[in-house]
Amino acid sequence: MSHERLNAYHIMWLFVFFDLPVVKKKERKDAARFRKELQNDGFTMMQYSVYIRHCASTESADVHEKRVKKFMPGKGYISILRITDKQYGNIVNFWGVETKPLTPGPKQLELF
């Protein structure tokens, strides 16, 4: 059995970007449910319509991407972007005029 070393090129981040209609009561409810499902699956809100999730491997990213597809509402626009931990490390965040460092990724290995 080959033990593959964890590194910044094998660890993945999933980004979910979405623009959902919220004019009608049912649309607002569907959008709220979608956000709640993302959170229940381990996604964190980065911005109001941008959620991110750390995945220990490509296989883990595959599982979470399939879950997102299952609970997508019938209307709206949703994009899923997958990047490596190495690429994520190059992100620069700005809050007002200050630059803040990136929040460190999880230090615990995901088992499933």
PDB file of N, CA and C in Angstrom:
ATOM      1  N   MET A   1       0.838  -1.171   0.000  1.00  0.00           N
ATOM      2  CA  MET A   1       0.000   0.000   0.000  1.00  0.00           C
ATOM      3  C   MET A   1       0.886   1.238   0.000  1.00  0.00           C
ATOM      4  N   SER A   2       0.642   2.128  -0.897  1.00  0.00           N
ATOM      5  CA  SER A   2       1.423   3.349  -1.018  1.00  0.00           C
ATOM      6  C   SER A   2       0.826   4.432  -0.122  1.00  0.00           C
ATOM      7  N   HIS A   3       1.682   5.066   0.675  1.00  0.00           N
ATOM      8  CA  HIS A   3       1.235   6.168   1.520  1.00  0.00           C
ATOM      9  C   HIS A   3       1.609   7.465   0.836  1.00  0.00           C
ATOM     10  N   GLU A   4       0.582   8.177   0.389  1.00  0.00           N
ATOM     11  CA  GLU A   4       0.804   9.435  -0.296  1.00  0.00           C
ATOM     12  C   GLU A   4       0.916  10.539   0.749  1.00  0.00           C
ATOM     13  N   ARG A   5       1.979  11.285   0.683  1.00  0.00           N
ATOM     14  CA  ARG A   5       2.214  12.359   1.635  1.00  0.00           C
ATOM     15  C   ARG A   5       1.228  13.500   1.373  1.00  0.00           C
ATOM     16  N   LEU A   6       0.618  14.007   2.439  1.00  0.00           N
ATOM     17  CA  LEU A   6      -0.274  15.146   2.287  1.00  0.00           C
ATOM     18  C   LEU A   6       0.555  16.386   1.980  1.00  0.00           C
ATOM     19  N   ASN A   7       0.160  17.090   0.970  1.00  0.00           N
ATOM     20  CA  ASN A   7       0.834  18.349   0.676  1.00  0.00           C
ATOM     21  C   ASN A   7      -0.153  19.325   0.073  1.00  0.00           C
ATOM     22  N   ALA A   8       0.326  20.537  -0.143  1.00  0.00           N
ATOM     23  CA  ALA A   8      -0.548  21.632  -0.584  1.00  0.00           C
ATOM     24  C   ALA A   8      -1.103  21.422  -1.986  1.00  0.00           C
ATOM     25  N   TYR A   9      -0.604  20.437  -2.719  1.00  0.00           N
ATOM     26  CA  TYR A   9      -1.129  20.177  -4.060  1.00  0.00           C
ATOM     27  C   TYR A   9      -2.209  19.098  -4.052  1.00  0.00           C
ATOM     28  N   HIS A  10      -2.336  18.331  -2.968  1.00  0.00           N
ATOM     29  CA  HIS A  10      -3.349  17.283  -2.883  1.00  0.00           C
ATOM     30  C   HIS A  10      -4.566  17.719  -2.075  1.00  0.00           C
ATOM     31  N   ILE A  11      -4.361  18.613  -1.130  1.00  0.00           N
ATOM     32  CA  ILE A  11      -5.462  19.132  -0.329  1.00  0.00           C
ATOM     33  C   ILE A  11      -6.236  20.131  -1.184  1.00  0.00           C
ATOM     34  N   MET A  12      -7.552  20.072  -1.106  1.00  0.00           N
ATOM     35  CA  MET A  12      -8.401  20.897  -1.980  1.00  0.00           C
ATOM     36  C   MET A  12      -9.276  21.846  -1.162  1.00  0.00           C
ATOM     37  N   TRP A  13      -9.693  22.901  -1.814  1.00  0.00           N
ATOM     38  CA  TRP A  13     -10.701  23.815  -1.291  1.00  0.00           C
ATOM     39  C   TRP A  13     -11.820  23.897  -2.309  1.00  0.00           C
ATOM     40  N   LEU A  14     -13.055  23.805  -1.839  1.00  0.00           N
ATOM     41  CA  LEU A  14     -14.215  23.987  -2.708  1.00  0.00           C
ATOM     42  C   LEU A  14     -14.818  25.350  -2.426  1.00  0.00           C
ATOM     43  N   PHE A  15     -15.063  26.102  -3.476  1.00  0.00           N
ATOM     44  CA  PHE A  15     -15.763  27.377  -3.392  1.00  0.00           C
ATOM     45  C   PHE A  15     -17.124  27.188  -4.044  1.00  0.00           C
ATOM     46  N   VAL A  16     -18.175  27.636  -3.407  1.00  0.00           N
ATOM     47  CA  VAL A  16     -19.511  27.620  -3.990  1.00  0.00           C
ATOM     48  C   VAL A  16     -19.960  29.076  -4.084  1.00  0.00           C
ATOM     49  N   PHE A  17     -20.181  29.527  -5.317  1.00  0.00           N
ATOM     50  CA  PHE A  17     -20.658  30.882  -5.589  1.00  0.00           C
ATOM     51  C   PHE A  17     -22.100  30.756  -6.057  1.00  0.00           C
ATOM     52  N   PHE A  18     -22.973  31.635  -5.583  1.00  0.00           N
ATOM     53  CA  PHE A  18     -24.349  31.514  -6.042  1.00  0.00           C
ATOM     54  C   PHE A  18     -25.063  32.853  -6.060  1.00  0.00           C
ATOM     55  N   ASP A  19     -26.032  32.909  -6.949  1.00  0.00           N
ATOM     56  CA  ASP A  19     -26.934  34.052  -7.085  1.00  0.00           C
ATOM     57  C   ASP A  19     -28.326  33.451  -7.206  1.00  0.00           C
ATOM     58  N   LEU A  20     -29.076  33.503  -6.118  1.00  0.00           N
ATOM     59  CA  LEU A  20     -30.386  32.864  -6.081  1.00  0.00           C
ATOM     60  C   LEU A  20     -31.486  33.917  -6.025  1.00  0.00           C
ATOM     61  N   PRO A  21     -32.595  33.657  -6.696  1.00  0.00           N
ATOM     62  CA  PRO A  21     -33.710  34.617  -6.639  1.00  0.00           C
ATOM     63  C   PRO A  21     -34.306  34.637  -5.230  1.00  0.00           C
ATOM     64  N   VAL A  22     -34.696  35.830  -4.769  1.00  0.00           N
ATOM     65  CA  VAL A  22     -35.269  35.970  -3.430  1.00  0.00           C
ATOM     66  C   VAL A  22     -36.471  36.933  -3.429  1.00  0.00           C
ATOM     67  N   VAL A  23     -37.150  37.022  -4.572  1.00  0.00           N
ATOM     68  CA  VAL A  23     -38.285  37.939  -4.684  1.00  0.00           C
ATOM     69  C   VAL A  23     -39.514  37.364  -3.977  1.00  0.00           C
ATOM     70  N   LYS A  24     -39.828  36.111  -4.255  1.00  0.00           N
ATOM     71  CA  LYS A  24     -41.002  35.461  -3.672  1.00  0.00           C
ATOM     72  C   LYS A  24     -40.628  34.782  -2.352  1.00  0.00           C
ATOM     73  N   LYS A  25     -41.624  34.578  -1.512  1.00  0.00           N
ATOM     74  CA  LYS A  25     -41.403  33.950  -0.203  1.00  0.00           C
ATOM     75  C   LYS A  25     -40.754  32.563  -0.352  1.00  0.00           C
ATOM     76  N   LYS A  26     -41.242  31.763  -1.303  1.00  0.00           N
ATOM     77  CA  LYS A  26     -40.684  30.425  -1.517  1.00  0.00           C
ATOM     78  C   LYS A  26     -39.224  30.509  -1.959  1.00  0.00           C
ATOM     79  N   GLU A  27     -38.879  31.495  -2.789  1.00  0.00           N
ATOM     80  CA  GLU A  27     -37.493  31.667  -3.243  1.00  0.00           C
ATOM     81  C   GLU A  27     -36.579  32.030  -2.064  1.00  0.00           C
ATOM     82  N   ARG A  28     -37.050  32.893  -1.177  1.00  0.00           N
ATOM     83  CA  ARG A  28     -36.263  33.246   0.005  1.00  0.00           C
ATOM     84  C   ARG A  28     -36.061  32.026   0.894  1.00  0.00           C
ATOM     85  N   LYS A  29     -37.105  31.236   1.029  1.00  0.00           N
ATOM     86  CA  LYS A  29     -37.017  30.016   1.848  1.00  0.00           C
ATOM     87  C   LYS A  29     -36.035  29.020   1.215  1.00  0.00           C
ATOM     88  N   ASP A  30     -36.103  28.853  -0.101  1.00  0.00           N
ATOM     89  CA  ASP A  30     -35.178  27.948  -0.800  1.00  0.00           C
ATOM     90  C   ASP A  30     -33.728  28.419  -0.670  1.00  0.00           C
ATOM     91  N   ALA A  31     -33.509  29.733  -0.770  1.00  0.00           N
ATOM     92  CA  ALA A  31     -32.154  30.279  -0.643  1.00  0.00           C
ATOM     93  C   ALA A  31     -31.624  30.061   0.776  1.00  0.00           C
ATOM     94  N   ALA A  32     -32.475  30.285   1.780  1.00  0.00           N
ATOM     95  CA  ALA A  32     -32.069  30.071   3.174  1.00  0.00           C
ATOM     96  C   ALA A  32     -31.754  28.593   3.422  1.00  0.00           C
ATOM     97  N   ARG A  33     -32.583  27.719   2.859  1.00  0.00           N
ATOM     98  CA  ARG A  33     -32.346  26.276   3.012  1.00  0.00           C
ATOM     99  C   ARG A  33     -31.021  25.877   2.373  1.00  0.00           C
ATOM    100  N   PHE A  34     -30.727  26.426   1.188  1.00  0.00           N
ATOM    101  CA  PHE A  34     -29.475  26.113   0.498  1.00  0.00           C
ATOM    102  C   PHE A  34     -28.269  26.534   1.350  1.00  0.00           C
ATOM    103  N   ARG A  35     -28.320  27.740   1.907  1.00  0.00           N
ATOM    104  CA  ARG A  35     -27.221  28.202   2.767  1.00  0.00           C
ATOM    105  C   ARG A  35     -27.056  27.295   3.985  1.00  0.00           C
ATOM    106  N   LYS A  36     -28.183  26.908   4.591  1.00  0.00           N
ATOM    107  CA  LYS A  36     -28.145  26.039   5.769  1.00  0.00           C
ATOM    108  C   LYS A  36     -27.561  24.675   5.413  1.00  0.00           C
ATOM    109  N   GLU A  37     -27.927  24.136   4.250  1.00  0.00           N
ATOM    110  CA  GLU A  37     -27.378  22.845   3.805  1.00  0.00           C
ATOM    111  C   GLU A  37     -25.870  22.948   3.601  1.00  0.00           C
ATOM    112  N   LEU A  38     -25.401  24.062   3.035  1.00  0.00           N
ATOM    113  CA  LEU A  38     -23.952  24.263   2.872  1.00  0.00           C
ATOM    114  C   LEU A  38     -23.260  24.239   4.227  1.00  0.00           C
ATOM    115  N   GLN A  39     -23.820  24.962   5.176  1.00  0.00           N
ATOM    116  CA  GLN A  39     -23.226  24.996   6.512  1.00  0.00           C
ATOM    117  C   GLN A  39     -23.244  23.620   7.165  1.00  0.00           C
ATOM    118  N   ASN A  40     -24.338  22.894   7.007  1.00  0.00           N
ATOM    119  CA  ASN A  40     -24.436  21.542   7.576  1.00  0.00           C
ATOM    120  C   ASN A  40     -23.413  20.599   6.967  1.00  0.00           C
ATOM    121  N   ASP A  41     -22.980  20.876   5.732  1.00  0.00           N
ATOM    122  CA  ASP A  41     -21.981  20.038   5.069  1.00  0.00           C
ATOM    123  C   ASP A  41     -20.560  20.542   5.317  1.00  0.00           C
ATOM    124  N   GLY A  42     -20.386  21.484   6.224  1.00  0.00           N
ATOM    125  CA  GLY A  42     -19.046  21.921   6.599  1.00  0.00           C
ATOM    126  C   GLY A  42     -18.522  23.129   5.857  1.00  0.00           C
ATOM    127  N   PHE A  43     -19.355  23.774   5.057  1.00  0.00           N
ATOM    128  CA  PHE A  43     -18.933  24.985   4.360  1.00  0.00           C
ATOM    129  C   PHE A  43     -19.016  26.174   5.313  1.00  0.00           C
ATOM    130  N   THR A  44     -18.140  27.142   5.096  1.00  0.00           N
ATOM    131  CA  THR A  44     -18.106  28.373   5.878  1.00  0.00           C
ATOM    132  C   THR A  44     -18.375  29.548   4.955  1.00  0.00           C
ATOM    133  N   MET A  45     -19.159  30.507   5.433  1.00  0.00           N
ATOM    134  CA  MET A  45     -19.447  31.666   4.609  1.00  0.00           C
ATOM    135  C   MET A  45     -18.206  32.557   4.529  1.00  0.00           C
ATOM    136  N   MET A  46     -17.755  32.810   3.308  1.00  0.00           N
ATOM    137  CA  MET A  46     -16.643  33.716   3.073  1.00  0.00           C
ATOM    138  C   MET A  46     -17.200  35.119   2.784  1.00  0.00           C
ATOM    139  N   GLN A  47     -18.225  35.177   1.970  1.00  0.00           N
ATOM    140  CA  GLN A  47     -19.016  36.370   1.697  1.00  0.00           C
ATOM    141  C   GLN A  47     -20.462  35.893   1.617  1.00  0.00           C
ATOM    142  N   TYR A  48     -21.402  36.811   1.506  1.00  0.00           N
ATOM    143  CA  TYR A  48     -22.804  36.414   1.595  1.00  0.00           C
ATOM    144  C   TYR A  48     -23.179  35.294   0.621  1.00  0.00           C
ATOM    145  N   SER A  49     -22.729  35.333  -0.609  1.00  0.00           N
ATOM    146  CA  SER A  49     -23.058  34.299  -1.592  1.00  0.00           C
ATOM    147  C   SER A  49     -21.845  33.494  -2.025  1.00  0.00           C
ATOM    148  N   VAL A  50     -20.849  33.404  -1.142  1.00  0.00           N
ATOM    149  CA  VAL A  50     -19.634  32.626  -1.407  1.00  0.00           C
ATOM    150  C   VAL A  50     -19.326  31.800  -0.158  1.00  0.00           C
ATOM    151  N   TYR A  51     -19.336  30.492  -0.323  1.00  0.00           N
ATOM    152  CA  TYR A  51     -19.020  29.588   0.779  1.00  0.00           C
ATOM    153  C   TYR A  51     -17.803  28.740   0.391  1.00  0.00           C
ATOM    154  N   ILE A  52     -16.987  28.394   1.394  1.00  0.00           N
ATOM    155  CA  ILE A  52     -15.786  27.591   1.130  1.00  0.00           C
ATOM    156  C   ILE A  52     -15.748  26.389   2.071  1.00  0.00           C
ATOM    157  N   ARG A  53     -15.038  25.345   1.608  1.00  0.00           N
ATOM    158  CA  ARG A  53     -14.861  24.151   2.425  1.00  0.00           C
ATOM    159  C   ARG A  53     -13.510  23.534   2.146  1.00  0.00           C
ATOM    160  N   HIS A  54     -12.809  23.173   3.199  1.00  0.00           N
ATOM    161  CA  HIS A  54     -11.539  22.469   3.120  1.00  0.00           C
ATOM    162  C   HIS A  54     -11.808  20.984   2.902  1.00  0.00           C
ATOM    163  N   CYS A  55     -11.094  20.367   1.984  1.00  0.00           N
ATOM    164  CA  CYS A  55     -11.216  18.933   1.722  1.00  0.00           C
ATOM    165  C   CYS A  55      -9.813  18.334   1.719  1.00  0.00           C
ATOM    166  N   ALA A  56      -9.625  17.250   2.423  1.00  0.00           N
ATOM    167  CA  ALA A  56      -8.302  16.646   2.569  1.00  0.00           C
ATOM    168  C   ALA A  56      -7.787  15.993   1.288  1.00  0.00           C
ATOM    169  N   SER A  57      -8.682  15.762   0.324  1.00  0.00           N
ATOM    170  CA  SER A  57      -8.260  15.075  -0.904  1.00  0.00           C
ATOM    171  C   SER A  57      -9.241  15.380  -2.037  1.00  0.00           C
ATOM    172  N   THR A  58      -8.853  14.974  -3.233  1.00  0.00           N
ATOM    173  CA  THR A  58      -9.737  15.109  -4.385  1.00  0.00           C
ATOM    174  C   THR A  58     -10.993  14.266  -4.190  1.00  0.00           C
ATOM    175  N   GLU A  59     -10.834  13.089  -3.612  1.00  0.00           N
ATOM    176  CA  GLU A  59     -11.979  12.208  -3.383  1.00  0.00           C
ATOM    177  C   GLU A  59     -12.981  12.855  -2.424  1.00  0.00           C
ATOM    178  N   SER A  60     -12.482  13.494  -1.386  1.00  0.00           N
ATOM    179  CA  SER A  60     -13.354  14.197  -0.446  1.00  0.00           C
ATOM    180  C   SER A  60     -14.067  15.360  -1.147  1.00  0.00           C
ATOM    181  N   ALA A  61     -13.348  16.092  -1.981  1.00  0.00           N
ATOM    182  CA  ALA A  61     -13.944  17.193  -2.745  1.00  0.00           C
ATOM    183  C   ALA A  61     -15.052  16.671  -3.654  1.00  0.00           C
ATOM    184  N   ASP A  62     -14.835  15.505  -4.272  1.00  0.00           N
ATOM    185  CA  ASP A  62     -15.855  14.887  -5.133  1.00  0.00           C
ATOM    186  C   ASP A  62     -17.146  14.638  -4.348  1.00  0.00           C
ATOM    187  N   VAL A  63     -17.010  14.095  -3.138  1.00  0.00           N
ATOM    188  CA  VAL A  63     -18.169  13.777  -2.299  1.00  0.00           C
ATOM    189  C   VAL A  63     -18.958  15.044  -1.973  1.00  0.00           C
ATOM    190  N   HIS A  64     -18.261  16.094  -1.561  1.00  0.00           N
ATOM    191  CA  HIS A  64     -18.950  17.326  -1.165  1.00  0.00           C
ATOM    192  C   HIS A  64     -19.539  18.066  -2.364  1.00  0.00           C
ATOM    193  N   GLU A  65     -18.883  17.965  -3.500  1.00  0.00           N
ATOM    194  CA  GLU A  65     -19.432  18.578  -4.713  1.00  0.00           C
ATOM    195  C   GLU A  65     -20.748  17.892  -5.087  1.00  0.00           C
ATOM    196  N   LYS A  66     -20.796  16.566  -4.987  1.00  0.00           N
ATOM    197  CA  LYS A  66     -22.033  15.828  -5.286  1.00  0.00           C
ATOM    198  C   LYS A  66     -23.147  16.208  -4.314  1.00  0.00           C
ATOM    199  N   ARG A  67     -22.793  16.410  -3.038  1.00  0.00           N
ATOM    200  CA  ARG A  67     -23.800  16.811  -2.052  1.00  0.00           C
ATOM    201  C   ARG A  67     -24.391  18.169  -2.397  1.00  0.00           C
ATOM    202  N   VAL A  68     -23.529  19.117  -2.786  1.00  0.00           N
ATOM    203  CA  VAL A  68     -24.019  20.450  -3.149  1.00  0.00           C
ATOM    204  C   VAL A  68     -24.985  20.342  -4.318  1.00  0.00           C
ATOM    205  N   LYS A  69     -24.647  19.531  -5.302  1.00  0.00           N
ATOM    206  CA  LYS A  69     -25.518  19.359  -6.472  1.00  0.00           C
ATOM    207  C   LYS A  69     -26.877  18.798  -6.073  1.00  0.00           C
ATOM    208  N   LYS A  70     -26.922  17.937  -5.034  1.00  0.00           N
ATOM    209  CA  LYS A  70     -28.181  17.328  -4.606  1.00  0.00           C
ATOM    210  C   LYS A  70     -29.125  18.325  -3.953  1.00  0.00           C
ATOM    211  N   PHE A  71     -28.592  19.304  -3.218  1.00  0.00           N
ATOM    212  CA  PHE A  71     -29.497  20.225  -2.525  1.00  0.00           C
ATOM    213  C   PHE A  71     -29.585  21.615  -3.162  1.00  0.00           C
ATOM    214  N   MET A  72     -29.166  21.737  -4.427  1.00  0.00           N
ATOM    215  CA  MET A  72     -29.313  23.013  -5.138  1.00  0.00           C
ATOM    216  C   MET A  72     -30.791  23.295  -5.385  1.00  0.00           C
ATOM    217  N   PRO A  73     -31.206  24.563  -5.205  1.00  0.00           N
ATOM    218  CA  PRO A  73     -32.597  24.898  -5.518  1.00  0.00           C
ATOM    219  C   PRO A  73     -32.857  24.844  -7.021  1.00  0.00           C
ATOM    220  N   GLY A  74     -34.117  24.819  -7.393  1.00  0.00           N
ATOM    221  CA  GLY A  74     -34.489  24.711  -8.802  1.00  0.00           C
ATOM    222  C   GLY A  74     -34.191  25.945  -9.632  1.00  0.00           C
ATOM    223  N   LYS A  75     -34.092  27.108  -8.988  1.00  0.00           N
ATOM    224  CA  LYS A  75     -33.826  28.344  -9.708  1.00  0.00           C
ATOM    225  C   LYS A  75     -32.534  28.970  -9.195  1.00  0.00           C
ATOM    226  N   GLY A  76     -31.925  29.797 -10.039  1.00  0.00           N
ATOM    227  CA  GLY A  76     -30.721  30.512  -9.624  1.00  0.00           C
ATOM    228  C   GLY A  76     -29.497  30.030 -10.365  1.00  0.00           C
ATOM    229  N   TYR A  77     -28.368  30.640 -10.010  1.00  0.00           N
ATOM    230  CA  TYR A  77     -27.098  30.340 -10.660  1.00  0.00           C
ATOM    231  C   TYR A  77     -26.095  29.937  -9.591  1.00  0.00           C
ATOM    232  N   ILE A  78     -25.482  28.766  -9.755  1.00  0.00           N
ATOM    233  CA  ILE A  78     -24.519  28.253  -8.783  1.00  0.00           C
ATOM    234  C   ILE A  78     -23.277  27.777  -9.522  1.00  0.00           C
ATOM    235  N   SER A  79     -22.116  28.176  -9.012  1.00  0.00           N
ATOM    236  CA  SER A  79     -20.837  27.730  -9.564  1.00  0.00           C
ATOM    237  C   SER A  79     -20.033  27.085  -8.450  1.00  0.00           C
ATOM    238  N   ILE A  80     -19.296  26.035  -8.795  1.00  0.00           N
ATOM    239  CA  ILE A  80     -18.412  25.374  -7.842  1.00  0.00           C
ATOM    240  C   ILE A  80     -17.003  25.421  -8.415  1.00  0.00           C
ATOM    241  N   LEU A  81     -16.079  25.931  -7.631  1.00  0.00           N
ATOM    242  CA  LEU A  81     -14.683  26.031  -8.039  1.00  0.00           C
ATOM    243  C   LEU A  81     -13.842  25.213  -7.084  1.00  0.00           C
ATOM    244  N   ARG A  82     -12.930  24.435  -7.638  1.00  0.00           N
ATOM    245  CA  ARG A  82     -12.038  23.601  -6.847  1.00  0.00           C
ATOM    246  C   ARG A  82     -10.608  24.099  -7.057  1.00  0.00           C
ATOM    247  N   ILE A  83      -9.921  24.387  -5.958  1.00  0.00           N
ATOM    248  CA  ILE A  83      -8.519  24.807  -6.067  1.00  0.00           C
ATOM    249  C   ILE A  83      -7.684  24.041  -5.045  1.00  0.00           C
ATOM    250  N   THR A  84      -6.381  23.994  -5.281  1.00  0.00           N
ATOM    251  CA  THR A  84      -5.487  23.321  -4.345  1.00  0.00           C
ATOM    252  C   THR A  84      -5.199  24.222  -3.153  1.00  0.00           C
ATOM    253  N   ASP A  85      -4.743  23.611  -2.078  1.00  0.00           N
ATOM    254  CA  ASP A  85      -4.358  24.367  -0.892  1.00  0.00           C
ATOM    255  C   ASP A  85      -3.225  25.339  -1.222  1.00  0.00           C
ATOM    256  N   LYS A  86      -2.353  24.933  -2.115  1.00  0.00           N
ATOM    257  CA  LYS A  86      -1.240  25.800  -2.547  1.00  0.00           C
ATOM    258  C   LYS A  86      -1.784  27.060  -3.205  1.00  0.00           C
ATOM    259  N   GLN A  87      -2.768  26.913  -4.087  1.00  0.00           N
ATOM    260  CA  GLN A  87      -3.382  28.070  -4.742  1.00  0.00           C
ATOM    261  C   GLN A  87      -4.121  28.936  -3.722  1.00  0.00           C
ATOM    262  N   TYR A  88      -4.835  28.297  -2.793  1.00  0.00           N
ATOM    263  CA  TYR A  88      -5.578  29.023  -1.772  1.00  0.00           C
ATOM    264  C   TYR A  88      -4.637  29.860  -0.904  1.00  0.00           C
ATOM    265  N   GLY A  89      -3.425  29.380  -0.708  1.00  0.00           N
ATOM    266  CA  GLY A  89      -2.442  30.099   0.091  1.00  0.00           C
ATOM    267  C   GLY A  89      -2.052  31.443  -0.494  1.00  0.00           C
ATOM    268  N   ASN A  90      -2.342  31.675  -1.764  1.00  0.00           N
ATOM    269  CA  ASN A  90      -2.000  32.942  -2.416  1.00  0.00           C
ATOM    270  C   ASN A  90      -3.106  33.991  -2.314  1.00  0.00           C
ATOM    271  N   ILE A  91      -4.205  33.661  -1.656  1.00  0.00           N
ATOM    272  CA  ILE A  91      -5.318  34.602  -1.564  1.00  0.00           C
ATOM    273  C   ILE A  91      -4.918  35.818  -0.717  1.00  0.00           C
ATOM    274  N   VAL A  92      -5.412  36.958  -1.115  1.00  0.00           N
ATOM    275  CA  VAL A  92      -5.195  38.197  -0.363  1.00  0.00           C
ATOM    276  C   VAL A  92      -6.568  38.760  -0.031  1.00  0.00           C
ATOM    277  N   ASN A  93      -6.826  38.999   1.239  1.00  0.00           N
ATOM    278  CA  ASN A  93      -8.106  39.522   1.687  1.00  0.00           C
ATOM    279  C   ASN A  93      -7.948  40.957   2.159  1.00  0.00           C
ATOM    280  N   PHE A  94      -8.911  41.797   1.840  1.00  0.00           N
ATOM    281  CA  PHE A  94      -8.923  43.183   2.277  1.00  0.00           C
ATOM    282  C   PHE A  94     -10.225  43.467   3.001  1.00  0.00           C
ATOM    283  N   TRP A  95     -10.134  44.094   4.152  1.00  0.00           N
ATOM    284  CA  TRP A  95     -11.282  44.586   4.892  1.00  0.00           C
ATOM    285  C   TRP A  95     -11.055  46.077   5.073  1.00  0.00           C
ATOM    286  N   GLY A  96     -11.777  46.869   4.306  1.00  0.00           N
ATOM    287  CA  GLY A  96     -11.512  48.304   4.319  1.00  0.00           C
ATOM    288  C   GLY A  96     -10.152  48.565   3.698  1.00  0.00           C
ATOM    289  N   VAL A  97      -9.328  49.335   4.335  1.00  0.00           N
ATOM    290  CA  VAL A  97      -8.003  49.631   3.791  1.00  0.00           C
ATOM    291  C   VAL A  97      -6.921  48.756   4.391  1.00  0.00           C
ATOM    292  N   GLU A  98      -7.274  47.959   5.407  1.00  0.00           N
ATOM    293  CA  GLU A  98      -6.290  47.079   6.036  1.00  0.00           C
ATOM    294  C   GLU A  98      -6.203  45.741   5.316  1.00  0.00           C
ATOM    295  N   THR A  99      -5.009  45.179   5.253  1.00  0.00           N
ATOM    296  CA  THR A  99      -4.812  43.830   4.752  1.00  0.00           C
ATOM    297  C   THR A  99      -4.726  42.911   5.962  1.00  0.00           C
ATOM    298  N   LYS A 100      -5.512  41.859   5.961  1.00  0.00           N
ATOM    299  CA  LYS A 100      -5.481  40.909   7.070  1.00  0.00           C
ATOM    300  C   LYS A 100      -4.946  39.576   6.566  1.00  0.00           C
ATOM    301  N   PRO A 101      -4.205  38.871   7.395  1.00  0.00           N
ATOM    302  CA  PRO A 101      -3.681  37.564   6.975  1.00  0.00           C
ATOM    303  C   PRO A 101      -4.799  36.550   6.801  1.00  0.00           C
ATOM    304  N   LEU A 102      -4.531  35.567   5.970  1.00  0.00           N
ATOM    305  CA  LEU A 102      -5.464  34.483   5.713  1.00  0.00           C
ATOM    306  C   LEU A 102      -5.686  33.686   6.982  1.00  0.00           C
ATOM    307  N   THR A 103      -6.924  33.303   7.240  1.00  0.00           N
ATOM    308  CA  THR A 103      -7.217  32.435   8.368  1.00  0.00           C
ATOM    309  C   THR A 103      -6.555  31.093   8.115  1.00  0.00           C
ATOM    310  N   PRO A 104      -5.800  30.575   9.082  1.00  0.00           N
ATOM    311  CA  PRO A 104      -5.125  29.293   8.854  1.00  0.00           C
ATOM    312  C   PRO A 104      -6.113  28.171   8.588  1.00  0.00           C
ATOM    313  N   GLY A 105      -5.720  27.241   7.731  1.00  0.00           N
ATOM    314  CA  GLY A 105      -6.558  26.094   7.424  1.00  0.00           C
ATOM    315  C   GLY A 105      -6.605  25.131   8.593  1.00  0.00           C
ATOM    316  N   PRO A 106      -7.456  24.134   8.509  1.00  0.00           N
ATOM    317  CA  PRO A 106      -7.561  23.146   9.573  1.00  0.00           C
ATOM    318  C   PRO A 106      -6.237  22.425   9.794  1.00  0.00           C
ATOM    319  N   LYS A 107      -5.921  22.148  11.054  1.00  0.00           N
ATOM    320  CA  LYS A 107      -4.692  21.447  11.385  1.00  0.00           C
ATOM    321  C   LYS A 107      -4.930  19.951  11.590  1.00  0.00           C
ATOM    322  N   GLN A 108      -6.202  19.557  11.619  1.00  0.00           N
ATOM    323  CA  GLN A 108      -6.567  18.180  11.852  1.00  0.00           C
ATOM    324  C   GLN A 108      -6.817  17.479  10.522  1.00  0.00           C
ATOM    325  N   LEU A 109      -6.338  16.273  10.395  1.00  0.00           N
ATOM    326  CA  LEU A 109      -6.544  15.471   9.200  1.00  0.00           C
ATOM    327  C   LEU A 109      -7.978  14.972   9.159  1.00  0.00           C
ATOM    328  N   GLU A 110      -8.632  15.131   8.006  1.00  0.00           N
ATOM    329  CA  GLU A 110      -9.990  14.639   7.810  1.00  0.00           C
ATOM    330  C   GLU A 110      -9.937  13.162   7.493  1.00  0.00           C
ATOM    331  N   LEU A 111     -10.736  12.362   8.190  1.00  0.00           N
ATOM    332  CA  LEU A 111     -10.700  10.921   7.976  1.00  0.00           C
ATOM    333  C   LEU A 111     -11.743  10.437   6.985  1.00  0.00           C
ATOM    334  N   PHE A 112     -12.781  11.223   6.737  1.00  0.00           N
ATOM    335  CA  PHE A 112     -13.808  10.804   5.767  1.00  0.00           C
ATOM    336  C   PHE A 112     -14.471  11.992   5.172  1.00  0.00           C
TER     337      PHE A 112
END
